[in-house]
């Protein structure tokens, strides 16, 4: 049975976060507290999520991203 794997991205506020969820369970989360660093940080953080959980981008069912006043909202 295939796991529903979701990548969650939030860069709308001062702190940014990315998370990986599988079948309604939080698998891993990364947070960045340096507001001016979201654009440089996000790619590495997503790679780390996948490496740490043993999943691959090709397994994603969906990506959810916030929109808002943050410094990196044009995903």
C-alpha atoms as a PDB file:
ATOM      1  CA  UNK A   1       0.000   0.000   0.000  1.00  0.00           C
ATOM      2  CA  UNK A   2       1.377   3.400  -1.028  1.00  0.00           C
ATOM      3  CA  UNK A   3       1.964   5.978   1.727  1.00  0.00           C
ATOM      4  CA  UNK A   4       0.469   9.437   1.215  1.00  0.00           C
ATOM      5  CA  UNK A   5       3.621  11.549   1.514  1.00  0.00           C
ATOM      6  CA  UNK A   6       3.215  15.321   1.872  1.00  0.00           C
ATOM      7  CA  UNK A   7       5.861  18.048   1.822  1.00  0.00           C
ATOM      8  CA  UNK A   8       4.772  21.076   3.860  1.00  0.00           C
ATOM      9  CA  UNK A   9       6.493  24.452   3.371  1.00  0.00           C
ATOM     10  CA  UNK A  10       5.888  27.566   5.473  1.00  0.00           C
ATOM     11  CA  UNK A  11       7.892  30.715   4.770  1.00  0.00           C
ATOM     12  CA  UNK A  12       5.172  33.289   5.470  1.00  0.00           C
ATOM     13  CA  UNK A  13       6.410  34.377   8.885  1.00  0.00           C
ATOM     14  CA  UNK A  14       9.677  35.263  10.568  1.00  0.00           C
ATOM     15  CA  UNK A  15      10.576  31.587  11.113  1.00  0.00           C
ATOM     16  CA  UNK A  16      10.429  29.226   8.152  1.00  0.00           C
ATOM     17  CA  UNK A  17       9.725  25.515   8.371  1.00  0.00           C
ATOM     18  CA  UNK A  18       9.515  22.481   6.149  1.00  0.00           C
ATOM     19  CA  UNK A  19       8.015  19.175   7.185  1.00  0.00           C
ATOM     20  CA  UNK A  20       7.409  15.745   5.758  1.00  0.00           C
ATOM     21  CA  UNK A  21       4.223  13.886   6.696  1.00  0.00           C
ATOM     22  CA  UNK A  22       3.233  10.357   5.816  1.00  0.00           C
ATOM     23  CA  UNK A  23      -0.282   8.989   6.312  1.00  0.00           C
ATOM     24  CA  UNK A  24      -1.214  11.826   8.717  1.00  0.00           C
ATOM     25  CA  UNK A  25       1.951  11.394  10.837  1.00  0.00           C
ATOM     26  CA  UNK A  26       4.730  13.941  11.154  1.00  0.00           C
ATOM     27  CA  UNK A  27       7.915  12.218   9.966  1.00  0.00           C
ATOM     28  CA  UNK A  28      10.379  15.105  10.249  1.00  0.00           C
ATOM     29  CA  UNK A  29      10.450  18.886  10.537  1.00  0.00           C
ATOM     30  CA  UNK A  30      13.160  21.519  10.058  1.00  0.00           C
ATOM     31  CA  UNK A  31      12.925  25.130  11.218  1.00  0.00           C
ATOM     32  CA  UNK A  32      14.955  28.195  10.266  1.00  0.00           C
ATOM     33  CA  UNK A  33      14.990  31.148  12.656  1.00  0.00           C
ATOM     34  CA  UNK A  34      17.136  33.421  10.440  1.00  0.00           C
ATOM     35  CA  UNK A  35      14.494  35.444   8.581  1.00  0.00           C
ATOM     36  CA  UNK A  36      16.888  36.744   5.923  1.00  0.00           C
ATOM     37  CA  UNK A  37      18.113  33.232   5.074  1.00  0.00           C
ATOM     38  CA  UNK A  38      14.936  31.387   3.977  1.00  0.00           C
ATOM     39  CA  UNK A  39      15.790  31.279   0.255  1.00  0.00           C
ATOM     40  CA  UNK A  40      19.236  29.763   0.822  1.00  0.00           C
ATOM     41  CA  UNK A  41      18.065  27.445   3.603  1.00  0.00           C
ATOM     42  CA  UNK A  42      14.947  25.841   2.126  1.00  0.00           C
ATOM     43  CA  UNK A  43      16.596  23.638  -0.527  1.00  0.00           C
ATOM     44  CA  UNK A  44      19.052  22.104   1.914  1.00  0.00           C
ATOM     45  CA  UNK A  45      16.346  21.609   4.539  1.00  0.00           C
ATOM     46  CA  UNK A  46      14.113  19.714   2.098  1.00  0.00           C
ATOM     47  CA  UNK A  47      17.016  17.494   1.025  1.00  0.00           C
ATOM     48  CA  UNK A  48      17.774  16.772   4.671  1.00  0.00           C
ATOM     49  CA  UNK A  49      14.142  15.803   5.360  1.00  0.00           C
ATOM     50  CA  UNK A  50      14.208  13.223   2.607  1.00  0.00           C
ATOM     51  CA  UNK A  51      17.623  11.869   3.509  1.00  0.00           C
ATOM     52  CA  UNK A  52      16.755  11.504   7.206  1.00  0.00           C
ATOM     53  CA  UNK A  53      13.440   9.756   6.541  1.00  0.00           C
ATOM     54  CA  UNK A  54      14.669   7.528   3.718  1.00  0.00           C
ATOM     55  CA  UNK A  55      12.094   8.821   1.267  1.00  0.00           C
ATOM     56  CA  UNK A  56      12.535  10.183  -2.258  1.00  0.00           C
ATOM     57  CA  UNK A  57      10.971  13.182  -4.024  1.00  0.00           C
ATOM     58  CA  UNK A  58       9.344  10.813  -6.507  1.00  0.00           C
ATOM     59  CA  UNK A  59       7.231   9.397  -3.654  1.00  0.00           C
ATOM     60  CA  UNK A  60       5.470  12.717  -2.949  1.00  0.00           C
ATOM     61  CA  UNK A  61       1.688  12.762  -3.173  1.00  0.00           C
ATOM     62  CA  UNK A  62       1.420  16.541  -2.741  1.00  0.00           C
ATOM     63  CA  UNK A  63       3.188  19.736  -1.741  1.00  0.00           C
ATOM     64  CA  UNK A  64       1.499  22.348   0.443  1.00  0.00           C
ATOM     65  CA  UNK A  65       2.946  25.844   0.784  1.00  0.00           C
ATOM     66  CA  UNK A  66       1.792  28.913   2.660  1.00  0.00           C
ATOM     67  CA  UNK A  67       1.476  32.273   1.007  1.00  0.00           C
ATOM     68  CA  UNK A  68       1.865  35.466   2.874  1.00  0.00           C
ATOM     69  CA  UNK A  69       4.023  38.430   3.674  1.00  0.00           C
ATOM     70  CA  UNK A  70       7.226  36.398   4.123  1.00  0.00           C
ATOM     71  CA  UNK A  71      10.530  36.941   2.345  1.00  0.00           C
ATOM     72  CA  UNK A  72      10.249  33.839   0.136  1.00  0.00           C
ATOM     73  CA  UNK A  73       6.615  33.389  -0.920  1.00  0.00           C
ATOM     74  CA  UNK A  74       6.959  32.949  -4.668  1.00  0.00           C
ATOM     75  CA  UNK A  75       7.506  29.199  -4.707  1.00  0.00           C
END
